[in-house]
C-alpha cells in the first residue's frame, strides 16, 4: 500500500505510474522552486528524482536510502514539467541499486541519478 508523503504533496509532485521495478513521477517548476539564475533549484530536481526512487524502492519492500549520486545536465525553467523515471537495476537481499532519469517535456535530460537502498525487511507480497 502506498503512503502519502506530506513533502511530495507540498512540492506538488505527482505519481504517474508505478509497478515492480519502475516508477514515474512529475512536477511543474514554479517560481517558488527557482534559484538565483531563474532556473529550477537543484534541490527540486533532486527531490523529484528522490520521489521516483522512494516509490520504486518501497513498492515491495520497506527501504531507506543509503546513497544517491546526481549529475545535473541541463537547467529546467519556470513553467516546465519535469518527469523522473526510476528503474531497478540490481536487487539483492539487503540492498538494491536504482537508476533515475529526470527529463523535461521535450525528453531532454535534466539529471541522471544512481541510488542505493537498504531493505529493512523481507520482500512482501504484492
N, C-alpha and C. Protein backbone atom coordinates (compact mmCIF):
# COMPACT_ATOMS: atom_id res chain seq x y z
N UNK A 1 0.84 -1.18 0.00
CA UNK A 1 0.00 0.00 0.00
C UNK A 1 0.89 1.25 0.00
N UNK A 2 0.57 2.20 -0.87
CA UNK A 2 1.34 3.44 -0.95
C UNK A 2 0.89 4.40 0.13
N UNK A 3 1.85 5.02 0.78
CA UNK A 3 1.56 6.01 1.80
C UNK A 3 1.76 7.40 1.19
N UNK A 4 0.95 8.35 1.62
CA UNK A 4 1.08 9.72 1.14
C UNK A 4 2.25 10.40 1.83
N UNK A 5 3.03 11.12 1.07
CA UNK A 5 4.16 11.86 1.61
C UNK A 5 3.80 13.34 1.70
N UNK A 6 3.78 13.91 2.90
CA UNK A 6 3.47 15.34 3.04
C UNK A 6 4.45 16.22 2.25
N UNK A 7 5.72 15.81 2.19
CA UNK A 7 6.73 16.60 1.48
C UNK A 7 6.43 16.63 -0.02
N UNK A 8 6.10 15.48 -0.60
CA UNK A 8 5.80 15.43 -2.03
C UNK A 8 4.50 16.19 -2.34
N UNK A 9 3.56 16.13 -1.42
CA UNK A 9 2.33 16.90 -1.59
C UNK A 9 2.64 18.40 -1.58
N UNK A 10 3.50 18.82 -0.66
CA UNK A 10 3.92 20.22 -0.58
C UNK A 10 4.56 20.69 -1.89
N UNK A 11 5.38 19.82 -2.49
CA UNK A 11 6.06 20.16 -3.75
C UNK A 11 5.19 19.93 -4.98
N UNK A 12 4.00 19.37 -4.78
CA UNK A 12 3.05 19.05 -5.84
C UNK A 12 3.67 18.08 -6.86
N UNK A 13 4.41 17.10 -6.35
CA UNK A 13 4.97 16.04 -7.18
C UNK A 13 3.96 14.92 -7.23
N UNK A 14 3.62 14.51 -8.45
CA UNK A 14 2.56 13.52 -8.64
C UNK A 14 3.10 12.19 -9.13
N UNK A 15 2.57 11.14 -8.58
CA UNK A 15 2.87 9.79 -9.03
C UNK A 15 2.06 9.52 -10.29
N UNK A 16 2.74 9.19 -11.39
CA UNK A 16 2.06 8.91 -12.66
C UNK A 16 1.91 7.42 -12.92
N UNK A 17 2.94 6.66 -12.55
CA UNK A 17 2.89 5.21 -12.80
C UNK A 17 3.82 4.51 -11.82
N UNK A 18 3.39 3.34 -11.39
CA UNK A 18 4.24 2.52 -10.52
C UNK A 18 3.94 1.05 -10.77
N UNK A 19 4.99 0.28 -10.81
CA UNK A 19 4.91 -1.18 -10.88
C UNK A 19 6.22 -1.73 -10.34
N UNK A 20 6.29 -3.00 -10.14
CA UNK A 20 7.52 -3.57 -9.60
C UNK A 20 8.70 -3.23 -10.51
N UNK A 21 9.72 -2.60 -9.93
CA UNK A 21 10.93 -2.24 -10.66
C UNK A 21 10.88 -0.94 -11.43
N UNK A 22 9.77 -0.19 -11.35
CA UNK A 22 9.64 1.05 -12.13
C UNK A 22 8.67 2.01 -11.45
N UNK A 23 9.02 3.30 -11.49
CA UNK A 23 8.11 4.36 -11.03
C UNK A 23 8.35 5.62 -11.86
N UNK A 24 7.28 6.37 -12.11
CA UNK A 24 7.39 7.65 -12.82
C UNK A 24 6.59 8.69 -12.06
N UNK A 25 7.23 9.84 -11.81
CA UNK A 25 6.59 10.97 -11.15
C UNK A 25 6.83 12.22 -11.99
N UNK A 26 6.06 13.26 -11.71
CA UNK A 26 6.25 14.51 -12.44
C UNK A 26 5.93 15.70 -11.54
N UNK A 27 6.43 16.86 -11.95
CA UNK A 27 6.16 18.10 -11.25
C UNK A 27 6.42 19.28 -12.16
N UNK A 28 5.82 20.39 -11.83
CA UNK A 28 5.99 21.61 -12.63
C UNK A 28 6.84 22.59 -11.84
N UNK A 29 7.79 23.20 -12.53
CA UNK A 29 8.66 24.20 -11.91
C UNK A 29 7.87 25.49 -11.73
N UNK A 30 7.68 25.88 -10.48
CA UNK A 30 7.00 27.15 -10.19
C UNK A 30 8.04 28.17 -9.75
N UNK A 31 7.62 29.42 -9.62
CA UNK A 31 8.56 30.47 -9.20
C UNK A 31 9.15 30.19 -7.83
N UNK A 32 8.41 29.44 -7.00
CA UNK A 32 8.91 29.10 -5.66
C UNK A 32 10.08 28.12 -5.70
N UNK A 33 10.29 27.46 -6.84
CA UNK A 33 11.34 26.45 -6.95
C UNK A 33 12.54 26.94 -7.77
N UNK A 34 12.64 28.25 -7.98
CA UNK A 34 13.73 28.81 -8.79
C UNK A 34 14.93 29.17 -7.93
N UNK A 35 16.11 29.14 -8.56
CA UNK A 35 17.34 29.57 -7.91
C UNK A 35 17.70 30.99 -8.34
N UNK A 36 18.88 31.46 -8.02
CA UNK A 36 19.30 32.83 -8.35
C UNK A 36 19.48 33.04 -9.85
N UNK A 37 19.53 31.96 -10.62
CA UNK A 37 19.68 32.05 -12.09
C UNK A 37 18.34 31.94 -12.80
N UNK A 38 17.24 31.94 -12.03
CA UNK A 38 15.88 31.80 -12.57
C UNK A 38 15.68 30.47 -13.29
N UNK A 39 16.36 29.43 -12.81
CA UNK A 39 16.12 28.07 -13.28
C UNK A 39 15.78 27.23 -12.05
N UNK A 40 15.32 26.01 -12.29
CA UNK A 40 14.92 25.15 -11.18
C UNK A 40 16.08 24.94 -10.21
N UNK A 41 15.79 25.12 -8.94
CA UNK A 41 16.80 24.87 -7.90
C UNK A 41 17.16 23.40 -7.94
N UNK A 42 18.43 23.10 -7.75
CA UNK A 42 18.89 21.71 -7.75
C UNK A 42 18.18 20.85 -6.73
N UNK A 43 17.77 21.46 -5.63
CA UNK A 43 17.07 20.68 -4.61
C UNK A 43 15.71 20.19 -5.09
N UNK A 44 15.05 20.95 -5.98
CA UNK A 44 13.78 20.48 -6.54
C UNK A 44 14.03 19.31 -7.50
N UNK A 45 15.04 19.44 -8.33
CA UNK A 45 15.38 18.35 -9.26
C UNK A 45 15.76 17.10 -8.47
N UNK A 46 16.54 17.28 -7.41
CA UNK A 46 16.90 16.15 -6.56
C UNK A 46 15.65 15.55 -5.91
N UNK A 47 14.75 16.41 -5.45
CA UNK A 47 13.53 15.93 -4.77
C UNK A 47 12.65 15.12 -5.71
N UNK A 48 12.53 15.53 -6.95
CA UNK A 48 11.68 14.77 -7.88
C UNK A 48 12.32 13.42 -8.21
N UNK A 49 13.64 13.41 -8.32
CA UNK A 49 14.35 12.13 -8.54
C UNK A 49 14.18 11.24 -7.31
N UNK A 50 14.32 11.82 -6.14
CA UNK A 50 14.19 11.07 -4.89
C UNK A 50 12.77 10.52 -4.72
N UNK A 51 11.77 11.25 -5.21
CA UNK A 51 10.39 10.78 -5.12
C UNK A 51 10.20 9.51 -5.94
N UNK A 52 10.70 9.51 -7.17
CA UNK A 52 10.60 8.31 -8.00
C UNK A 52 11.34 7.15 -7.34
N UNK A 53 12.51 7.44 -6.79
CA UNK A 53 13.32 6.45 -6.08
C UNK A 53 12.56 5.90 -4.87
N UNK A 54 11.93 6.78 -4.12
CA UNK A 54 11.17 6.36 -2.93
C UNK A 54 10.05 5.40 -3.31
N UNK A 55 9.31 5.75 -4.35
CA UNK A 55 8.20 4.89 -4.76
C UNK A 55 8.68 3.53 -5.25
N UNK A 56 9.66 3.51 -6.13
CA UNK A 56 10.09 2.23 -6.71
C UNK A 56 10.75 1.34 -5.66
N UNK A 57 11.54 1.93 -4.78
CA UNK A 57 12.29 1.12 -3.82
C UNK A 57 11.44 0.63 -2.66
N UNK A 58 10.28 1.22 -2.47
CA UNK A 58 9.37 0.79 -1.39
C UNK A 58 8.14 0.06 -1.91
N UNK A 59 8.14 -0.27 -3.18
CA UNK A 59 6.96 -0.90 -3.78
C UNK A 59 6.69 -2.28 -3.18
N UNK A 60 7.72 -3.08 -3.01
CA UNK A 60 7.53 -4.42 -2.46
C UNK A 60 8.25 -4.64 -1.14
N UNK A 61 9.10 -3.69 -0.75
CA UNK A 61 9.88 -3.84 0.49
C UNK A 61 10.03 -2.49 1.17
N UNK A 62 10.04 -2.49 2.49
CA UNK A 62 10.33 -1.25 3.21
C UNK A 62 11.82 -0.99 3.11
N UNK A 63 12.16 0.19 2.57
CA UNK A 63 13.56 0.51 2.26
C UNK A 63 13.89 1.93 2.64
N UNK A 64 15.18 2.17 2.91
CA UNK A 64 15.67 3.53 3.16
C UNK A 64 16.91 3.77 2.30
N UNK A 65 17.09 5.01 1.93
CA UNK A 65 18.22 5.37 1.06
C UNK A 65 19.55 5.25 1.82
N UNK A 66 20.53 4.69 1.14
CA UNK A 66 21.90 4.66 1.66
C UNK A 66 22.77 5.70 0.97
N UNK A 67 22.54 5.89 -0.35
CA UNK A 67 23.38 6.80 -1.12
C UNK A 67 22.66 7.20 -2.40
N UNK A 68 22.84 8.47 -2.78
CA UNK A 68 22.37 8.94 -4.08
C UNK A 68 23.45 9.81 -4.69
N UNK A 69 23.61 9.68 -5.99
CA UNK A 69 24.60 10.46 -6.73
C UNK A 69 23.87 11.10 -7.91
N UNK A 70 23.97 12.42 -8.04
CA UNK A 70 23.22 13.12 -9.09
C UNK A 70 24.17 13.93 -9.97
N UNK A 71 23.91 13.87 -11.26
CA UNK A 71 24.61 14.68 -12.25
C UNK A 71 23.57 15.57 -12.92
N UNK A 72 23.71 16.87 -12.76
CA UNK A 72 22.80 17.82 -13.40
C UNK A 72 23.30 18.06 -14.82
N UNK A 73 22.41 17.92 -15.81
CA UNK A 73 22.83 18.01 -17.21
C UNK A 73 22.31 19.24 -17.93
N UNK A 74 21.13 19.74 -17.56
CA UNK A 74 20.59 20.94 -18.23
C UNK A 74 19.61 21.60 -17.27
N UNK A 75 19.49 22.92 -17.37
CA UNK A 75 18.55 23.62 -16.49
C UNK A 75 17.10 23.39 -16.91
N UNK A 76 16.23 23.48 -15.94
CA UNK A 76 14.79 23.47 -16.21
C UNK A 76 14.26 24.84 -15.81
N UNK A 77 13.29 25.32 -16.55
CA UNK A 77 12.81 26.68 -16.35
C UNK A 77 11.39 26.71 -15.77
N UNK A 78 11.03 27.88 -15.25
CA UNK A 78 9.70 28.07 -14.69
C UNK A 78 8.63 27.68 -15.71
N UNK A 79 7.65 26.94 -15.24
CA UNK A 79 6.56 26.51 -16.11
C UNK A 79 6.79 25.16 -16.76
N UNK A 80 8.03 24.68 -16.77
CA UNK A 80 8.33 23.39 -17.37
C UNK A 80 7.87 22.25 -16.47
N UNK A 81 7.35 21.21 -17.10
CA UNK A 81 7.07 19.97 -16.39
C UNK A 81 8.30 19.09 -16.50
N UNK A 82 8.72 18.53 -15.37
CA UNK A 82 9.83 17.58 -15.39
C UNK A 82 9.30 16.23 -14.93
N UNK A 83 9.85 15.19 -15.53
CA UNK A 83 9.43 13.82 -15.28
C UNK A 83 10.63 13.03 -14.80
N UNK A 84 10.46 12.29 -13.70
CA UNK A 84 11.53 11.42 -13.19
C UNK A 84 11.06 9.98 -13.31
N UNK A 85 11.89 9.16 -13.94
CA UNK A 85 11.61 7.73 -14.06
C UNK A 85 12.69 6.96 -13.33
N UNK A 86 12.27 6.04 -12.47
CA UNK A 86 13.20 5.23 -11.70
C UNK A 86 13.12 3.78 -12.15
N UNK A 87 14.29 3.18 -12.34
CA UNK A 87 14.40 1.81 -12.81
C UNK A 87 15.25 1.00 -11.84
N UNK A 88 14.76 -0.16 -11.47
CA UNK A 88 15.55 -1.06 -10.63
C UNK A 88 16.60 -1.73 -11.52
N UNK A 89 17.86 -1.55 -11.15
CA UNK A 89 18.95 -2.11 -11.95
C UNK A 89 19.47 -3.42 -11.38
N UNK A 90 19.51 -3.53 -10.06
CA UNK A 90 20.05 -4.72 -9.41
C UNK A 90 19.43 -4.82 -8.03
N UNK A 91 18.91 -5.99 -7.71
CA UNK A 91 18.29 -6.15 -6.41
C UNK A 91 18.93 -7.31 -5.66
N UNK A 92 19.06 -7.13 -4.36
CA UNK A 92 19.67 -8.15 -3.52
C UNK A 92 18.86 -8.35 -2.26
N UNK A 93 19.38 -9.19 -1.40
CA UNK A 93 18.68 -9.50 -0.15
C UNK A 93 18.60 -8.29 0.77
N UNK A 94 19.68 -7.51 0.86
CA UNK A 94 19.69 -6.37 1.79
C UNK A 94 19.78 -5.01 1.10
N UNK A 95 20.29 -4.95 -0.13
CA UNK A 95 20.40 -3.67 -0.84
C UNK A 95 19.95 -3.83 -2.29
N UNK A 96 19.58 -2.72 -2.88
CA UNK A 96 19.23 -2.68 -4.31
C UNK A 96 19.72 -1.38 -4.91
N UNK A 97 20.03 -1.43 -6.21
CA UNK A 97 20.57 -0.29 -6.94
C UNK A 97 19.54 0.18 -7.97
N UNK A 98 19.39 1.50 -8.09
CA UNK A 98 18.43 2.09 -9.00
C UNK A 98 19.07 3.17 -9.87
N UNK A 99 18.47 3.38 -11.04
CA UNK A 99 18.85 4.45 -11.96
C UNK A 99 17.62 5.33 -12.12
N UNK A 100 17.82 6.64 -11.98
CA UNK A 100 16.71 7.58 -12.12
C UNK A 100 17.08 8.61 -13.18
N UNK A 101 16.19 8.79 -14.12
CA UNK A 101 16.39 9.74 -15.22
C UNK A 101 15.36 10.86 -15.06
N UNK A 102 15.83 12.10 -15.04
CA UNK A 102 14.93 13.25 -14.98
C UNK A 102 15.02 13.96 -16.32
N UNK A 103 13.86 14.13 -16.97
CA UNK A 103 13.80 14.77 -18.29
C UNK A 103 12.73 15.85 -18.28
N UNK A 104 12.85 16.76 -19.25
CA UNK A 104 11.79 17.76 -19.43
C UNK A 104 10.77 17.21 -20.43
N UNK A 105 9.76 17.98 -20.74
CA UNK A 105 8.70 17.50 -21.64
C UNK A 105 9.21 17.24 -23.05
N UNK A 106 10.32 17.86 -23.42
CA UNK A 106 10.92 17.62 -24.74
C UNK A 106 11.81 16.38 -24.73
N UNK A 107 11.79 15.65 -23.60
CA UNK A 107 12.57 14.43 -23.40
C UNK A 107 14.07 14.69 -23.36
N UNK A 108 14.45 15.93 -23.03
CA UNK A 108 15.87 16.27 -22.87
C UNK A 108 16.29 15.99 -21.44
N UNK A 109 17.47 15.42 -21.29
CA UNK A 109 17.98 15.02 -19.99
C UNK A 109 18.27 16.23 -19.10
N UNK A 110 17.65 16.25 -17.93
CA UNK A 110 17.87 17.30 -16.93
C UNK A 110 18.86 16.80 -15.87
N UNK A 111 18.70 15.54 -15.45
CA UNK A 111 19.60 14.98 -14.44
C UNK A 111 19.64 13.46 -14.55
N UNK A 112 20.77 12.90 -14.14
CA UNK A 112 20.98 11.45 -14.12
C UNK A 112 21.38 11.07 -12.70
N UNK A 113 20.70 10.08 -12.14
CA UNK A 113 20.90 9.73 -10.74
C UNK A 113 21.12 8.22 -10.59
N UNK A 114 22.04 7.85 -9.73
CA UNK A 114 22.13 6.47 -9.28
C UNK A 114 21.85 6.48 -7.78
N UNK A 115 21.18 5.43 -7.31
CA UNK A 115 20.76 5.41 -5.92
C UNK A 115 20.80 3.99 -5.36
N UNK A 116 21.15 3.90 -4.09
CA UNK A 116 21.26 2.62 -3.40
C UNK A 116 20.36 2.64 -2.18
N UNK A 117 19.60 1.55 -1.96
CA UNK A 117 18.75 1.44 -0.77
C UNK A 117 19.17 0.26 0.08
N UNK A 118 18.79 0.36 1.35
CA UNK A 118 18.90 -0.75 2.29
C UNK A 118 17.49 -1.21 2.59
N UNK A 119 17.25 -2.52 2.47
CA UNK A 119 15.92 -3.07 2.73
C UNK A 119 15.78 -3.40 4.21
N UNK A 120 14.74 -2.85 4.81
CA UNK A 120 14.50 -3.02 6.24
C UNK A 120 13.88 -4.36 6.60
N UNK A 121 13.21 -4.97 5.65
CA UNK A 121 12.54 -6.24 5.93
C UNK A 121 12.57 -7.13 4.70
N UNK A 122 11.94 -8.26 4.80
CA UNK A 122 11.87 -9.18 3.69
C UNK A 122 10.85 -8.70 2.67
N UNK A 123 10.95 -9.24 1.47
CA UNK A 123 10.02 -8.90 0.39
C UNK A 123 8.60 -9.26 0.79
N UNK A 124 7.67 -8.37 0.52
CA UNK A 124 6.26 -8.65 0.85
C UNK A 124 5.51 -8.96 -0.44
N UNK A 125 4.40 -9.62 -0.33
CA UNK A 125 3.57 -9.97 -1.47
C UNK A 125 2.87 -8.74 -2.01
N UNK A 126 2.73 -8.66 -3.32
CA UNK A 126 2.05 -7.54 -3.97
C UNK A 126 0.56 -7.79 -4.00
